[in-house]
Amino acid sequence: MTASISLGVAGALGPDAIARIATAAEDAGFASLWVNDTQEGDSLAALAAAARTTGSLVLATGVIPVDRRPADEIARAVRDLPAERVVLGIGSGAVRQGAVDLVRDAIGRLREQTAARILVGALGPRMRALAATDADGPLLSWRTP
C-alpha cells in the first residue's frame, strides 16, 4: 500500500501560481491538491487552472461557503473539470440559523449538476451527521483535538 500525500494552498495565491504548484505537485507524486477558498482567492478558478496543467492529480477545494457562493454557481464553475478528479468541500459559511438546511440543499443541487465528490465542512454534530448521510463525508481539517 502506498501513502497518499496531499498538498494544501491558499486560493489567494491565484490561478497562475496554483497551476505551477499543481504541475510540480503531480510531478513529485502528490495525490491531491487542496485549494482553500477565501474572499481573496477563488478556489474553483484555481482548480480550473490546475486541471489544465495536470492529468491525474485530484483537485479539491477547502470549504466553499454556500452562503456566499450558491451551489448552482459552484456547479457551473466545475462543469468543464474532470469530475472524477474533483472534490468539492462545502460548508455553511457565516449562516447560523438554518445552516444544516442550507448545506443539505446545496448538496442536493450539486448532486443533480455534477459528478464531483462532495465533502462537508462539519465541526458540529448535526453537520457531521449530514456529511455522513447526504455527502461523501466530512471535511474535518479545522477540527481541534
N, C-alpha and C. Protein backbone atom coordinates (compact mmCIF):
# COMPACT_ATOMS: atom_id res chain seq x y z
N MET A 1 0.84 -1.18 0.00
CA MET A 1 0.00 0.00 0.00
C MET A 1 0.89 1.24 0.00
N THR A 2 0.60 2.18 -0.88
CA THR A 2 1.36 3.42 -0.92
C THR A 2 0.60 4.51 -0.19
N ALA A 3 1.33 5.40 0.41
CA ALA A 3 0.72 6.51 1.14
C ALA A 3 0.26 7.57 0.15
N SER A 4 -0.88 8.16 0.44
CA SER A 4 -1.37 9.28 -0.34
C SER A 4 -1.06 10.55 0.41
N ILE A 5 -0.28 11.39 -0.20
CA ILE A 5 0.08 12.65 0.45
C ILE A 5 -0.50 13.78 -0.38
N SER A 6 -1.15 14.71 0.32
CA SER A 6 -1.79 15.84 -0.33
C SER A 6 -1.07 17.13 0.04
N LEU A 7 -1.31 18.13 -0.76
CA LEU A 7 -0.74 19.45 -0.55
C LEU A 7 -1.89 20.45 -0.51
N GLY A 8 -1.84 21.39 0.41
CA GLY A 8 -2.86 22.42 0.50
C GLY A 8 -2.27 23.79 0.34
N VAL A 9 -2.96 24.65 -0.41
CA VAL A 9 -2.53 26.03 -0.63
C VAL A 9 -3.72 26.96 -0.50
N ALA A 10 -3.43 28.23 -0.32
CA ALA A 10 -4.48 29.25 -0.24
C ALA A 10 -4.87 29.71 -1.63
N GLY A 11 -6.16 29.85 -1.85
CA GLY A 11 -6.65 30.34 -3.13
C GLY A 11 -6.14 31.72 -3.47
N ALA A 12 -5.76 32.49 -2.46
CA ALA A 12 -5.26 33.85 -2.68
C ALA A 12 -3.97 33.88 -3.49
N LEU A 13 -3.30 32.73 -3.64
CA LEU A 13 -2.09 32.68 -4.48
C LEU A 13 -2.42 32.96 -5.94
N GLY A 14 -3.65 32.70 -6.34
CA GLY A 14 -4.08 32.96 -7.71
C GLY A 14 -3.92 31.77 -8.63
N PRO A 15 -4.73 31.72 -9.68
CA PRO A 15 -4.74 30.57 -10.59
C PRO A 15 -3.39 30.27 -11.26
N ASP A 16 -2.65 31.29 -11.68
CA ASP A 16 -1.39 31.03 -12.37
C ASP A 16 -0.39 30.34 -11.45
N ALA A 17 -0.23 30.86 -10.26
CA ALA A 17 0.71 30.26 -9.30
C ALA A 17 0.25 28.86 -8.92
N ILE A 18 -1.03 28.69 -8.73
CA ILE A 18 -1.55 27.39 -8.32
C ILE A 18 -1.41 26.37 -9.45
N ALA A 19 -1.54 26.79 -10.70
CA ALA A 19 -1.30 25.87 -11.82
C ALA A 19 0.14 25.38 -11.81
N ARG A 20 1.09 26.28 -11.54
CA ARG A 20 2.51 25.88 -11.48
C ARG A 20 2.74 24.93 -10.30
N ILE A 21 2.14 25.24 -9.17
CA ILE A 21 2.26 24.38 -7.99
C ILE A 21 1.66 23.00 -8.28
N ALA A 22 0.50 22.98 -8.94
CA ALA A 22 -0.17 21.71 -9.25
C ALA A 22 0.71 20.83 -10.12
N THR A 23 1.33 21.41 -11.13
CA THR A 23 2.23 20.65 -12.01
C THR A 23 3.38 20.06 -11.21
N ALA A 24 3.99 20.89 -10.37
CA ALA A 24 5.11 20.42 -9.54
C ALA A 24 4.65 19.34 -8.56
N ALA A 25 3.46 19.52 -7.99
CA ALA A 25 2.93 18.53 -7.04
C ALA A 25 2.68 17.19 -7.73
N GLU A 26 2.08 17.24 -8.91
CA GLU A 26 1.83 16.00 -9.65
C GLU A 26 3.15 15.33 -10.02
N ASP A 27 4.10 16.11 -10.51
CA ASP A 27 5.41 15.56 -10.88
C ASP A 27 6.12 14.94 -9.68
N ALA A 28 5.88 15.49 -8.49
CA ALA A 28 6.53 15.00 -7.27
C ALA A 28 5.80 13.80 -6.66
N GLY A 29 4.65 13.43 -7.24
CA GLY A 29 3.94 12.25 -6.77
C GLY A 29 2.86 12.51 -5.72
N PHE A 30 2.51 13.77 -5.50
CA PHE A 30 1.42 14.05 -4.57
C PHE A 30 0.11 13.51 -5.14
N ALA A 31 -0.79 13.09 -4.26
CA ALA A 31 -2.07 12.51 -4.68
C ALA A 31 -3.10 13.58 -5.01
N SER A 32 -3.09 14.69 -4.25
CA SER A 32 -4.11 15.71 -4.46
C SER A 32 -3.60 17.08 -4.07
N LEU A 33 -4.26 18.07 -4.64
CA LEU A 33 -4.01 19.47 -4.31
C LEU A 33 -5.30 20.06 -3.78
N TRP A 34 -5.23 20.59 -2.56
CA TRP A 34 -6.37 21.23 -1.92
C TRP A 34 -6.17 22.73 -1.97
N VAL A 35 -7.18 23.44 -2.45
CA VAL A 35 -7.12 24.89 -2.53
C VAL A 35 -8.19 25.46 -1.62
N ASN A 36 -7.74 26.23 -0.65
CA ASN A 36 -8.66 26.85 0.29
C ASN A 36 -9.38 28.02 -0.38
N ASP A 37 -10.69 28.06 -0.26
CA ASP A 37 -11.49 29.13 -0.85
C ASP A 37 -11.59 30.29 0.14
N THR A 38 -11.21 31.47 -0.32
CA THR A 38 -11.31 32.67 0.52
C THR A 38 -11.90 33.80 -0.31
N GLN A 39 -12.25 34.88 0.34
CA GLN A 39 -12.76 36.03 -0.41
C GLN A 39 -11.70 36.61 -1.32
N GLU A 40 -10.42 36.42 -0.97
CA GLU A 40 -9.33 36.92 -1.79
C GLU A 40 -8.88 35.93 -2.85
N GLY A 41 -9.38 34.71 -2.79
CA GLY A 41 -8.91 33.69 -3.72
C GLY A 41 -9.99 32.70 -4.10
N ASP A 42 -10.26 32.60 -5.37
CA ASP A 42 -11.30 31.73 -5.91
C ASP A 42 -10.73 30.32 -6.12
N SER A 43 -11.11 29.41 -5.24
CA SER A 43 -10.58 28.04 -5.33
C SER A 43 -11.00 27.35 -6.62
N LEU A 44 -12.17 27.65 -7.14
CA LEU A 44 -12.64 26.97 -8.35
C LEU A 44 -11.89 27.45 -9.59
N ALA A 45 -11.56 28.73 -9.66
CA ALA A 45 -10.73 29.24 -10.76
C ALA A 45 -9.34 28.61 -10.68
N ALA A 46 -8.85 28.44 -9.45
CA ALA A 46 -7.55 27.81 -9.26
C ALA A 46 -7.58 26.35 -9.70
N LEU A 47 -8.66 25.63 -9.37
CA LEU A 47 -8.77 24.23 -9.80
C LEU A 47 -8.83 24.12 -11.31
N ALA A 48 -9.53 25.04 -11.95
CA ALA A 48 -9.61 25.02 -13.41
C ALA A 48 -8.22 25.21 -14.02
N ALA A 49 -7.45 26.13 -13.47
CA ALA A 49 -6.09 26.33 -13.96
C ALA A 49 -5.23 25.09 -13.71
N ALA A 50 -5.37 24.48 -12.55
CA ALA A 50 -4.62 23.27 -12.22
C ALA A 50 -5.01 22.11 -13.12
N ALA A 51 -6.28 22.01 -13.45
CA ALA A 51 -6.75 20.92 -14.32
C ALA A 51 -6.12 21.01 -15.71
N ARG A 52 -5.87 22.23 -16.17
CA ARG A 52 -5.27 22.41 -17.49
C ARG A 52 -3.80 21.97 -17.54
N THR A 53 -3.15 21.90 -16.39
CA THR A 53 -1.72 21.58 -16.38
C THR A 53 -1.40 20.21 -15.78
N THR A 54 -2.42 19.47 -15.37
CA THR A 54 -2.21 18.16 -14.76
C THR A 54 -3.12 17.13 -15.40
N GLY A 55 -2.79 15.86 -15.17
CA GLY A 55 -3.59 14.80 -15.75
C GLY A 55 -4.13 13.78 -14.76
N SER A 56 -3.56 13.72 -13.57
CA SER A 56 -4.02 12.71 -12.62
C SER A 56 -4.23 13.25 -11.21
N LEU A 57 -3.71 14.40 -10.91
CA LEU A 57 -3.81 14.98 -9.58
C LEU A 57 -5.26 15.22 -9.20
N VAL A 58 -5.67 14.74 -8.02
CA VAL A 58 -7.01 15.05 -7.52
C VAL A 58 -7.04 16.53 -7.16
N LEU A 59 -8.09 17.21 -7.56
CA LEU A 59 -8.24 18.65 -7.38
C LEU A 59 -9.37 18.90 -6.40
N ALA A 60 -9.05 19.51 -5.27
CA ALA A 60 -10.04 19.63 -4.20
C ALA A 60 -10.09 21.05 -3.65
N THR A 61 -11.26 21.41 -3.15
CA THR A 61 -11.41 22.71 -2.50
C THR A 61 -11.53 22.54 -1.00
N GLY A 62 -10.94 23.49 -0.29
CA GLY A 62 -11.28 23.63 1.11
C GLY A 62 -12.73 24.09 1.12
N VAL A 63 -13.25 24.39 2.21
CA VAL A 63 -14.68 24.64 2.30
C VAL A 63 -15.08 25.92 1.55
N ILE A 64 -15.97 25.74 0.58
CA ILE A 64 -16.59 26.87 -0.11
C ILE A 64 -17.86 27.20 0.65
N PRO A 65 -18.00 28.41 1.18
CA PRO A 65 -19.21 28.75 1.93
C PRO A 65 -20.40 28.97 0.98
N VAL A 66 -21.41 28.14 1.13
CA VAL A 66 -22.55 28.22 0.21
C VAL A 66 -23.47 29.40 0.52
N ASP A 67 -23.23 30.10 1.63
CA ASP A 67 -23.98 31.34 1.84
C ASP A 67 -23.41 32.46 0.96
N ARG A 68 -22.18 32.33 0.55
CA ARG A 68 -21.52 33.31 -0.31
C ARG A 68 -21.50 32.88 -1.77
N ARG A 69 -21.43 31.57 -1.98
CA ARG A 69 -21.33 31.03 -3.33
C ARG A 69 -22.33 29.88 -3.48
N PRO A 70 -23.48 30.15 -4.08
CA PRO A 70 -24.54 29.14 -4.18
C PRO A 70 -24.13 27.91 -5.01
N ALA A 71 -24.81 26.82 -4.74
CA ALA A 71 -24.50 25.55 -5.40
C ALA A 71 -24.56 25.63 -6.92
N ASP A 72 -25.53 26.34 -7.46
CA ASP A 72 -25.64 26.45 -8.92
C ASP A 72 -24.40 27.12 -9.51
N GLU A 73 -23.88 28.12 -8.82
CA GLU A 73 -22.66 28.81 -9.27
C GLU A 73 -21.45 27.88 -9.18
N ILE A 74 -21.37 27.11 -8.11
CA ILE A 74 -20.29 26.15 -7.95
C ILE A 74 -20.34 25.13 -9.08
N ALA A 75 -21.52 24.60 -9.35
CA ALA A 75 -21.68 23.59 -10.40
C ALA A 75 -21.27 24.15 -11.77
N ARG A 76 -21.65 25.38 -12.07
CA ARG A 76 -21.24 25.98 -13.34
C ARG A 76 -19.72 26.10 -13.43
N ALA A 77 -19.08 26.45 -12.31
CA ALA A 77 -17.64 26.64 -12.30
C ALA A 77 -16.86 25.34 -12.50
N VAL A 78 -17.43 24.20 -12.13
CA VAL A 78 -16.73 22.92 -12.28
C VAL A 78 -17.23 22.09 -13.46
N ARG A 79 -18.15 22.64 -14.21
CA ARG A 79 -18.78 21.89 -15.31
C ARG A 79 -17.76 21.29 -16.27
N ASP A 80 -16.71 22.00 -16.60
CA ASP A 80 -15.74 21.52 -17.58
C ASP A 80 -14.53 20.84 -16.96
N LEU A 81 -14.54 20.66 -15.65
CA LEU A 81 -13.43 19.98 -14.99
C LEU A 81 -13.65 18.47 -14.99
N PRO A 82 -12.59 17.69 -14.93
CA PRO A 82 -12.74 16.23 -14.90
C PRO A 82 -13.36 15.78 -13.57
N ALA A 83 -14.64 15.46 -13.58
CA ALA A 83 -15.41 15.16 -12.36
C ALA A 83 -14.76 14.06 -11.53
N GLU A 84 -14.12 13.11 -12.17
CA GLU A 84 -13.51 12.00 -11.43
C GLU A 84 -12.30 12.47 -10.61
N ARG A 85 -11.81 13.66 -10.87
CA ARG A 85 -10.67 14.21 -10.13
C ARG A 85 -11.05 15.32 -9.17
N VAL A 86 -12.32 15.72 -9.14
CA VAL A 86 -12.73 16.89 -8.36
C VAL A 86 -13.40 16.48 -7.04
N VAL A 87 -12.99 17.15 -5.97
CA VAL A 87 -13.61 17.01 -4.66
C VAL A 87 -14.03 18.41 -4.23
N LEU A 88 -15.31 18.58 -3.94
CA LEU A 88 -15.83 19.87 -3.51
C LEU A 88 -16.08 19.85 -2.02
N GLY A 89 -15.35 20.68 -1.29
CA GLY A 89 -15.63 20.87 0.12
C GLY A 89 -16.56 22.06 0.26
N ILE A 90 -17.72 21.87 0.87
CA ILE A 90 -18.66 22.97 1.05
C ILE A 90 -19.03 23.09 2.52
N GLY A 91 -19.52 24.26 2.89
CA GLY A 91 -19.97 24.50 4.25
C GLY A 91 -20.95 25.66 4.29
N SER A 92 -21.44 25.95 5.46
CA SER A 92 -22.49 26.96 5.60
C SER A 92 -21.98 28.38 5.60
N GLY A 93 -20.71 28.59 5.86
CA GLY A 93 -20.19 29.95 5.93
C GLY A 93 -20.62 30.62 7.22
N ALA A 94 -21.06 31.85 7.12
CA ALA A 94 -21.41 32.64 8.30
C ALA A 94 -22.85 32.42 8.79
N VAL A 95 -23.62 31.64 8.06
CA VAL A 95 -25.02 31.40 8.43
C VAL A 95 -25.08 30.59 9.73
N ARG A 96 -25.93 30.98 10.64
CA ARG A 96 -26.11 30.22 11.88
C ARG A 96 -27.50 29.61 11.93
N GLN A 97 -28.51 30.36 11.60
CA GLN A 97 -29.88 29.83 11.56
C GLN A 97 -30.09 29.14 10.22
N GLY A 98 -30.49 27.89 10.25
CA GLY A 98 -30.78 27.16 9.01
C GLY A 98 -29.55 26.66 8.27
N ALA A 99 -28.41 26.59 8.94
CA ALA A 99 -27.16 26.19 8.28
C ALA A 99 -27.24 24.78 7.71
N VAL A 100 -27.78 23.86 8.49
CA VAL A 100 -27.85 22.46 8.02
C VAL A 100 -28.75 22.35 6.80
N ASP A 101 -29.89 23.04 6.82
CA ASP A 101 -30.79 23.01 5.67
C ASP A 101 -30.14 23.63 4.44
N LEU A 102 -29.40 24.72 4.64
CA LEU A 102 -28.72 25.38 3.53
C LEU A 102 -27.72 24.44 2.88
N VAL A 103 -26.93 23.75 3.68
CA VAL A 103 -25.92 22.84 3.14
C VAL A 103 -26.59 21.60 2.54
N ARG A 104 -27.65 21.11 3.16
CA ARG A 104 -28.37 19.95 2.60
C ARG A 104 -28.90 20.29 1.20
N ASP A 105 -29.46 21.48 1.05
CA ASP A 105 -29.96 21.91 -0.26
C ASP A 105 -28.81 22.01 -1.26
N ALA A 106 -27.68 22.54 -0.84
CA ALA A 106 -26.53 22.67 -1.73
C ALA A 106 -26.03 21.31 -2.18
N ILE A 107 -25.98 20.36 -1.26
CA ILE A 107 -25.55 19.00 -1.63
C ILE A 107 -26.48 18.45 -2.70
N GLY A 108 -27.78 18.58 -2.50
CA GLY A 108 -28.75 18.08 -3.48
C GLY A 108 -28.58 18.72 -4.85
N ARG A 109 -28.40 20.03 -4.86
CA ARG A 109 -28.23 20.73 -6.14
C ARG A 109 -26.93 20.31 -6.83
N LEU A 110 -25.87 20.18 -6.05
CA LEU A 110 -24.60 19.75 -6.64
C LEU A 110 -24.68 18.33 -7.16
N ARG A 111 -25.37 17.45 -6.46
CA ARG A 111 -25.55 16.06 -6.91
C ARG A 111 -26.28 16.03 -8.26
N GLU A 112 -27.25 16.93 -8.43
CA GLU A 112 -28.01 16.99 -9.68
C GLU A 112 -27.16 17.48 -10.85
N GLN A 113 -26.17 18.31 -10.57
CA GLN A 113 -25.47 19.03 -11.63
C GLN A 113 -24.02 18.61 -11.87
N THR A 114 -23.45 17.80 -10.98
CA THR A 114 -22.07 17.40 -11.15
C THR A 114 -21.85 16.01 -10.55
N ALA A 115 -20.84 15.33 -11.06
CA ALA A 115 -20.48 14.02 -10.52
C ALA A 115 -19.31 14.11 -9.56
N ALA A 116 -18.89 15.32 -9.21
CA ALA A 116 -17.77 15.51 -8.29
C ALA A 116 -18.13 14.96 -6.91
N ARG A 117 -17.12 14.50 -6.18
CA ARG A 117 -17.34 14.10 -4.79
C ARG A 117 -17.60 15.36 -3.96
N ILE A 118 -18.43 15.22 -2.94
CA ILE A 118 -18.81 16.35 -2.09
C ILE A 118 -18.51 16.02 -0.64
N LEU A 119 -17.72 16.89 -0.02
CA LEU A 119 -17.43 16.78 1.41
C LEU A 119 -18.03 17.99 2.10
N VAL A 120 -18.38 17.83 3.36
CA VAL A 120 -19.00 18.92 4.11
C VAL A 120 -18.07 19.32 5.26
N GLY A 121 -17.76 20.60 5.32
CA GLY A 121 -17.04 21.14 6.47
C GLY A 121 -17.94 20.99 7.67
N ALA A 122 -17.59 20.09 8.56
CA ALA A 122 -18.54 19.65 9.58
C ALA A 122 -17.89 19.59 10.94
N LEU A 123 -18.03 20.65 11.71
CA LEU A 123 -17.47 20.65 13.06
C LEU A 123 -18.49 20.23 14.10
N GLY A 124 -19.75 20.59 13.91
CA GLY A 124 -20.78 20.25 14.89
C GLY A 124 -21.43 18.90 14.59
N PRO A 125 -22.13 18.34 15.58
CA PRO A 125 -22.72 17.00 15.41
C PRO A 125 -23.79 16.94 14.32
N ARG A 126 -24.60 17.96 14.16
CA ARG A 126 -25.65 17.92 13.12
C ARG A 126 -25.05 17.99 11.72
N MET A 127 -24.01 18.81 11.56
CA MET A 127 -23.37 18.91 10.26
C MET A 127 -22.57 17.64 9.95
N ARG A 128 -21.95 17.03 10.95
CA ARG A 128 -21.25 15.76 10.73
C ARG A 128 -22.24 14.67 10.32
N ALA A 129 -23.42 14.66 10.94
CA ALA A 129 -24.44 13.67 10.56
C ALA A 129 -24.87 13.89 9.11
N LEU A 130 -25.06 15.14 8.72
CA LEU A 130 -25.42 15.46 7.34
C LEU A 130 -24.32 14.99 6.38
N ALA A 131 -23.08 15.24 6.74
CA ALA A 131 -21.96 14.81 5.90
C ALA A 131 -21.96 13.29 5.71
N ALA A 132 -22.32 12.58 6.76
CA ALA A 132 -22.33 11.12 6.71
C ALA A 132 -23.50 10.56 5.90
N THR A 133 -24.64 11.25 5.92
CA THR A 133 -25.82 10.71 5.26
C THR A 133 -26.04 11.25 3.85
N ASP A 134 -25.72 12.51 3.60
CA ASP A 134 -26.06 13.13 2.32
C ASP A 134 -24.85 13.37 1.41
N ALA A 135 -23.68 13.52 2.00
CA ALA A 135 -22.47 13.83 1.22
C ALA A 135 -21.57 12.60 1.17
N ASP A 136 -20.38 12.80 0.64
CA ASP A 136 -19.41 11.71 0.56
C ASP A 136 -18.53 11.66 1.80
N GLY A 137 -18.81 12.54 2.75
CA GLY A 137 -18.08 12.51 4.02
C GLY A 137 -17.84 13.90 4.56
N PRO A 138 -17.25 13.95 5.75
CA PRO A 138 -16.95 15.25 6.37
C PRO A 138 -15.55 15.73 6.00
N LEU A 139 -15.38 17.03 6.08
CA LEU A 139 -14.07 17.64 5.92
C LEU A 139 -13.74 18.24 7.28
N LEU A 140 -12.82 17.63 7.97
CA LEU A 140 -12.53 17.98 9.36
C LEU A 140 -11.19 18.68 9.51
N SER A 141 -10.76 19.41 8.51
CA SER A 141 -9.41 19.97 8.53
C SER A 141 -9.17 20.98 9.64
N TRP A 142 -10.20 21.61 10.17
CA TRP A 142 -10.02 22.58 11.25
C TRP A 142 -10.45 22.04 12.58
N ARG A 143 -10.64 20.76 12.67
CA ARG A 143 -11.08 20.11 13.91
C ARG A 143 -9.97 20.17 14.96
N THR A 144 -10.28 20.68 16.12
CA THR A 144 -9.28 20.74 17.18
C THR A 144 -9.27 19.41 17.94
N PRO A 145 -8.13 19.10 18.61
CA PRO A 145 -8.06 17.83 19.34
C PRO A 145 -9.08 17.76 20.48
